[in-house]
Protein backbone atom coordinates (compact mmCIF):
# COMPACT_ATOMS: atom_id res chain seq x y z
CA MET A 1 185.40 34.16 134.23
CA ALA A 2 183.54 34.88 137.37
CA GLU A 3 183.37 32.61 140.45
CA GLY A 4 180.19 30.69 140.97
CA LEU A 5 179.63 29.51 137.44
CA ASP A 6 177.08 26.75 136.67
CA VAL A 7 178.50 25.85 133.45
CA ALA A 8 181.82 26.98 131.41
CA THR A 9 182.47 26.02 127.90
CA LEU A 10 185.27 26.31 125.56
CA GLY A 11 185.23 26.17 121.76
CA GLU A 12 184.68 27.64 118.36
CA GLY A 13 182.68 31.07 117.51
CA LEU A 14 181.35 31.42 114.09
CA VAL A 15 179.05 33.79 111.90
CA VAL A 16 176.65 32.12 109.60
CA PHE A 17 175.28 33.46 106.46
CA ASP A 18 171.52 32.09 106.04
CA PRO A 19 170.23 32.70 102.49
CA ALA A 20 167.08 34.51 101.93
CA HIS A 21 165.78 31.80 99.46
CA PRO A 22 166.67 28.33 98.52
CA GLY A 23 169.01 27.58 95.75
CA PRO A 24 172.68 27.44 94.74
CA LEU A 25 174.76 30.17 96.69
CA ARG A 26 175.52 31.64 93.28
CA HIS A 27 172.37 32.64 92.80
CA VAL A 28 171.69 34.11 96.03
CA ALA A 29 171.96 37.87 96.82
CA ALA A 30 170.96 38.26 100.30
CA PHE A 31 171.66 36.68 103.56
CA THR A 32 170.83 37.13 107.16
CA LYS A 33 173.99 37.12 109.39
CA ARG A 34 173.72 35.24 112.56
CA VAL A 35 176.12 34.05 115.61
CA ALA A 36 176.81 30.14 115.60
CA GLY A 37 179.23 27.40 117.04
CA ALA A 38 178.18 24.36 118.92
CA GLU A 39 179.62 25.73 122.37
CA VAL A 40 178.27 29.10 121.67
CA ASN A 41 174.89 27.50 121.21
CA VAL A 42 174.97 25.41 124.38
CA ALA A 43 176.13 28.76 126.41
CA VAL A 44 173.32 31.03 125.01
CA ALA A 45 170.75 28.11 125.72
CA LEU A 46 171.89 27.56 129.26
CA ALA A 47 171.97 31.34 129.77
CA ARG A 48 168.51 31.63 128.70
CA LEU A 49 167.33 28.73 130.99
CA GLY A 50 168.73 30.77 133.95
CA HIS A 51 172.05 29.52 134.62
CA ARG A 52 175.31 31.18 135.02
CA THR A 53 177.43 30.41 131.92
CA ALA A 54 180.66 31.24 130.35
CA TRP A 55 182.18 30.72 126.95
CA SER A 56 185.85 30.73 126.35
CA GLY A 57 187.43 30.56 122.73
CA ARG A 58 189.00 32.66 120.07
CA VAL A 59 187.49 34.94 117.56
CA GLY A 60 189.40 37.51 115.27
CA ALA A 61 189.82 41.01 115.96
CA ASP A 62 187.15 41.69 113.27
CA GLU A 63 183.58 42.87 113.07
CA PHE A 64 182.51 39.22 113.06
CA GLY A 65 184.30 38.60 116.13
CA ALA A 66 182.75 41.46 117.74
CA GLN A 67 179.20 40.12 116.77
CA VAL A 68 179.98 36.75 118.26
CA LEU A 69 181.18 38.42 121.57
CA GLY A 70 178.35 41.17 121.45
CA MET A 71 175.78 38.43 120.92
CA LEU A 72 177.16 36.41 123.99
CA ARG A 73 177.18 39.33 126.21
CA ALA A 74 173.85 40.34 125.34
CA GLU A 75 172.60 36.93 126.36
CA GLY A 76 174.27 37.25 129.80
CA VAL A 77 177.22 34.75 128.97
CA ASP A 78 180.55 35.77 130.59
CA VAL A 79 183.08 35.97 127.70
CA SER A 80 185.66 37.84 130.07
CA ARG A 81 188.24 35.13 129.28
CA ALA A 82 187.52 34.86 125.65
CA GLN A 83 190.55 35.76 123.44
CA THR A 84 190.58 38.48 120.45
CA ASP A 85 193.23 37.20 117.95
CA PRO A 86 194.91 39.91 115.68
CA ASP A 87 196.60 37.38 113.37
CA ALA A 88 193.43 35.27 112.44
CA PRO A 89 189.94 36.06 111.15
CA THR A 90 186.75 34.85 112.86
CA GLY A 91 185.53 31.67 110.91
CA ILE A 92 182.19 32.03 108.85
CA TYR A 93 179.89 29.64 106.99
CA PHE A 94 176.85 29.77 104.47
CA LYS A 95 173.81 27.65 104.62
CA GLU A 96 172.43 26.51 101.19
CA TRP A 97 169.02 25.26 101.09
CA SER A 98 167.62 23.15 98.30
CA ALA A 99 163.88 21.58 98.20
CA PRO A 100 162.52 19.93 100.37
CA ARG A 101 164.46 22.01 102.89
CA ARG A 102 167.48 20.11 102.52
CA LEU A 103 170.57 21.89 104.13
CA ALA A 104 174.19 21.95 102.90
CA ALA A 105 176.98 23.96 104.61
CA ALA A 106 180.07 25.63 103.19
CA PHE A 107 182.68 26.44 105.85
CA TYR A 108 185.40 29.05 105.75
CA ARG A 109 187.27 28.25 108.83
CA THR A 110 190.88 27.11 107.53
CA GLY A 111 193.21 29.29 109.32
CA ALA A 112 190.68 30.91 111.52
CA ALA A 113 190.99 31.96 115.11
CA GLY A 114 188.84 29.28 116.40
CA GLY A 115 191.30 26.73 115.61
CA ARG A 116 194.21 28.58 117.39
CA LEU A 117 193.07 27.47 120.90
CA ALA A 118 196.26 27.27 122.77
CA ALA A 119 197.52 26.52 126.44
CA GLY A 120 197.34 30.04 127.19
CA ASP A 121 193.56 30.20 126.70
CA LEU A 122 193.11 27.82 129.58
CA ASP A 123 193.30 30.83 132.21
CA HIS A 124 189.81 30.56 133.22
CA SER A 125 188.14 29.08 136.24
CA LEU A 126 187.52 25.61 136.74
CA SER A 127 185.00 26.29 139.62
CA ALA A 128 182.08 25.75 137.55
CA ARG A 129 179.98 22.91 138.53
CA VAL A 130 180.15 21.62 134.83
CA LEU A 131 182.67 21.90 132.19
CA HIS A 132 181.08 21.15 128.60
CA LEU A 133 183.31 20.30 125.88
CA THR A 134 182.58 18.99 122.32
CA GLY A 135 184.59 17.12 119.62
CA ILE A 136 184.63 19.94 117.34
CA PRO A 137 187.83 21.76 118.46
CA VAL A 138 189.60 18.33 118.76
CA ALA A 139 189.28 18.09 115.08
CA LEU A 140 190.05 21.57 114.06
CA SER A 141 193.63 21.50 114.87
CA ASP A 142 196.15 19.72 117.06
CA THR A 143 196.90 22.86 119.15
CA ALA A 144 193.10 23.14 119.74
CA ALA A 145 192.94 19.20 120.50
CA ASP A 146 195.64 19.60 122.92
CA THR A 147 194.13 22.47 124.55
CA VAL A 148 190.85 20.53 125.09
CA ARG A 149 192.62 17.34 126.39
CA THR A 150 194.72 19.50 128.77
CA LEU A 151 191.11 21.28 129.96
CA ALA A 152 189.64 17.79 130.44
CA ASP A 153 192.38 16.55 132.43
CA ALA A 154 192.29 19.54 134.78
CA ALA A 155 188.50 19.24 135.30
CA VAL A 156 188.77 15.58 136.01
CA ALA A 157 191.50 16.29 138.47
CA ARG A 158 189.60 19.01 140.23
CA GLY A 159 186.50 17.04 140.40
CA THR A 160 184.27 19.29 138.16
CA LEU A 161 181.62 17.36 136.23
CA LEU A 162 182.89 16.96 132.78
CA SER A 163 180.18 16.84 130.14
CA PHE A 164 181.39 15.88 126.25
CA ASP A 165 179.29 16.03 123.29
CA VAL A 166 180.95 14.15 120.67
CA ASN A 167 179.75 16.47 117.75
CA MET A 168 181.39 14.11 115.08
CA ARG A 169 182.10 16.22 111.97
CA HIS A 170 183.33 13.76 109.03
CA ARG A 171 184.60 16.74 107.04
CA LEU A 172 186.66 18.06 109.76
CA LEU A 173 187.93 14.54 110.72
CA ALA A 174 189.29 14.44 107.20
CA GLY A 175 189.44 10.52 107.07
CA ARG A 176 191.17 10.40 110.72
CA ASP A 177 189.93 7.55 113.03
CA PRO A 178 187.03 9.13 115.15
CA GLN A 179 187.52 6.53 117.84
CA ARG A 180 191.04 7.31 118.29
CA LEU A 181 190.62 11.24 118.10
CA LEU A 182 187.24 11.27 120.04
CA GLY A 183 187.32 7.81 122.03
CA PRO A 184 189.57 8.93 124.61
CA LEU A 185 187.61 11.98 125.74
CA ALA A 186 184.31 10.29 125.39
CA ARG A 187 185.47 7.60 127.96
CA GLN A 188 186.82 10.48 130.28
CA ALA A 189 183.83 12.29 130.45
CA ASP A 190 181.31 12.08 133.13
CA LEU A 191 178.04 12.59 131.03
CA LEU A 192 178.06 11.88 127.35
CA PHE A 193 176.18 13.17 124.63
CA MET A 194 176.09 11.66 121.07
CA SER A 195 173.59 11.06 118.06
CA ASP A 196 172.65 7.37 117.29
CA ALA A 197 175.03 7.64 114.10
CA GLU A 198 177.76 8.68 116.50
CA ALA A 199 177.01 5.91 118.82
CA ALA A 200 177.31 3.21 116.14
CA VAL A 201 181.04 4.49 115.30
CA LEU A 202 182.28 4.87 118.77
CA THR A 203 180.44 1.86 120.33
CA GLY A 204 179.53 -0.45 117.47
CA GLY A 205 175.83 0.15 117.68
CA ASP A 206 173.33 2.54 118.21
CA ASP A 207 171.32 0.38 120.76
CA PRO A 208 171.41 0.56 124.57
CA GLU A 209 173.36 -2.69 124.94
CA HIS A 210 176.57 -1.30 122.85
CA VAL A 211 176.30 2.03 124.58
CA ARG A 212 176.27 0.02 128.09
CA ARG A 213 179.35 -1.82 127.20
CA PHE A 214 180.98 1.28 126.01
CA LEU A 215 180.34 2.69 129.32
CA ALA A 216 181.88 -0.15 131.20
CA THR A 217 185.45 0.85 129.90
CA ALA A 218 184.66 4.64 130.54
CA ARG A 219 184.21 6.99 133.65
CA ALA A 220 181.00 8.11 132.29
CA ARG A 221 177.97 6.81 134.44
CA THR A 222 175.41 8.38 132.01
CA ALA A 223 175.37 8.25 128.35
CA VAL A 224 172.51 10.15 126.18
CA VAL A 225 171.85 9.06 122.91
CA HIS A 226 169.43 11.13 120.47
CA GLY A 227 167.91 10.70 117.16
CA GLU A 228 165.34 11.63 114.86
CA HIS A 229 162.47 9.64 116.62
CA GLY A 230 163.31 10.00 120.08
CA CYS A 231 166.16 9.53 122.65
CA TYR A 232 167.34 7.45 125.61
CA ALA A 233 169.82 7.58 128.65
CA VAL A 234 171.91 4.61 129.53
CA HIS A 235 172.64 5.27 133.60
CA ASP A 236 172.92 3.61 136.73
CA GLY A 237 169.48 3.18 137.12
CA GLY A 238 169.34 1.29 133.77
CA VAL A 239 167.56 2.68 130.54
CA THR A 240 165.18 5.70 129.94
CA GLU A 241 163.72 6.48 126.96
CA GLN A 242 161.76 9.45 125.61
CA ASP A 243 160.11 9.91 122.32
CA ALA A 244 160.77 12.95 120.02
CA PHE A 245 158.33 15.97 119.96
CA PRO A 246 156.90 16.22 116.40
CA VAL A 247 157.12 19.67 115.22
CA PRO A 248 157.70 21.39 111.50
CA VAL A 249 161.36 21.73 111.05
CA ALA A 250 162.39 25.22 109.83
CA ASP A 251 166.17 24.61 110.30
CA PRO A 252 167.77 21.64 111.83
CA VAL A 253 170.88 23.09 112.94
CA GLY A 254 171.53 23.56 116.85
CA ALA A 255 169.12 20.87 117.78
CA GLY A 256 171.76 18.67 119.36
CA ASP A 257 173.16 21.64 121.13
CA ALA A 258 169.90 22.77 122.63
CA PHE A 259 169.19 19.09 123.58
CA ALA A 260 172.57 19.02 125.58
CA ALA A 261 171.88 22.28 127.22
CA ALA A 262 168.34 21.34 128.33
CA PHE A 263 169.63 17.88 129.75
CA LEU A 264 172.29 19.78 131.54
CA SER A 265 169.94 22.35 133.02
CA GLY A 266 167.71 19.66 134.45
CA LEU A 267 170.65 17.96 135.94
CA LEU A 268 171.68 21.06 137.49
CA ARG A 269 168.20 21.62 139.07
CA GLY A 270 168.40 18.18 140.60
CA GLU A 271 165.63 16.70 138.07
CA PRO A 272 165.55 12.71 137.43
CA VAL A 273 166.98 11.71 134.08
CA ALA A 274 163.47 10.93 132.82
CA ARG A 275 162.73 14.49 133.34
CA CYS A 276 166.13 15.60 132.02
CA LEU A 277 165.23 13.63 128.76
CA ARG A 278 161.95 15.17 128.23
CA LEU A 279 163.25 18.72 128.58
CA ALA A 280 166.20 17.87 126.52
CA SER A 281 163.87 16.33 123.66
CA ALA A 282 161.51 19.44 123.97
CA ALA A 283 164.45 21.80 123.58
CA GLY A 284 165.89 20.15 120.60
CA ALA A 285 162.00 20.46 118.92
CA CYS A 286 162.05 24.20 119.83
CA ALA A 287 165.46 24.83 118.26
CA VAL A 288 164.45 23.18 114.70
CA SER A 289 161.02 24.81 114.73
CA VAL A 290 162.54 28.26 114.17
CA PRO A 291 165.48 29.47 111.85
CA GLY A 292 169.07 30.43 113.06
CA ASP A 293 171.61 28.90 115.30
CA ALA A 294 172.37 30.43 118.49
CA GLU A 295 169.25 32.75 118.13
CA SER A 296 167.32 29.58 117.84
CA MET A 297 168.08 28.29 121.33
CA PRO A 298 164.67 27.95 123.53
CA TRP A 299 163.49 30.22 126.05
CA PRO A 300 162.16 28.65 129.38
CA ASP A 301 158.49 29.50 128.75
CA ALA A 302 158.46 27.91 125.27
CA LEU A 303 160.29 24.97 126.71
CA ALA A 304 157.70 24.53 129.49
CA ARG A 305 155.08 24.77 127.31
CA LEU A 306 156.18 21.89 124.80
CA ALA A 307 157.95 19.56 127.58
CA ASP A 308 154.57 19.73 129.64
CA ARG A 309 152.12 19.29 126.76
CA ALA A 310 149.67 16.80 128.05
CA ASP A 311 149.38 14.86 124.61
CA HIS A 312 152.73 13.71 124.40
CA VAL A 313 153.56 10.12 125.68
CA GLU A 314 156.66 9.43 127.93
CA ARG A 315 157.58 5.83 127.84
């Protein structure tokens, strides 16, 4: 990774197959093949918003891995420290749509390269202003979890701002206690992102008071909680709220990643928390309004148009 990065992230790269029409996958013959992965999405969004961004992770030595890395390079993301694994494939997943626009997902990632992160994959610069991690690799495998924890420890020791998106995936957790698995990283981060449902699991409630109590036991000075109807941040200045931007939903995948990326973008530019929240809410709306995963991440012009829309009320 090059010096002078704004944001570095480490995680899973996937290829997603999006069906041409709704219905059971057994009846679908045509798919659109796209690039996916929570950390990939964040890296792409931040690069589009003008930040120097790098992604590290493992993909297979296969065509799907080449697609992931090729798309990231095309978006201006530094992948110079990404690993190509000759002994494991790139993970894939299939979306399945049913009326009314209900989404299910079938993942094929067991034994895939994304879960084989290891200590050797930490050969990248911690000189970035922000290190962004998520809970997905922590749930993928023990080696990936150890890698993420080691990297988080190194970031804290170096003084790099540590951003953590809980990204709780219950199928990946497979009955394991999310508080035990994800709680320590959530407490270690400087900046914490979670959905209202994730906040309820980690803090005991989805309201600002429960989150405030959680922060009292953590390093984090700011926690951002988002849901269907809006979001709020608990921070040194109190609680700041932001309504959701109502848009037609084409595909809900990637909303949280776009949200986190836009909040980080505002933070990197020195914006106040209220503006960061507004940008984040608008970015999530931009992402869900078009199909795709990484491809749906917002561009600056679309984000600015929505965030600055005069008829939207900030509370």
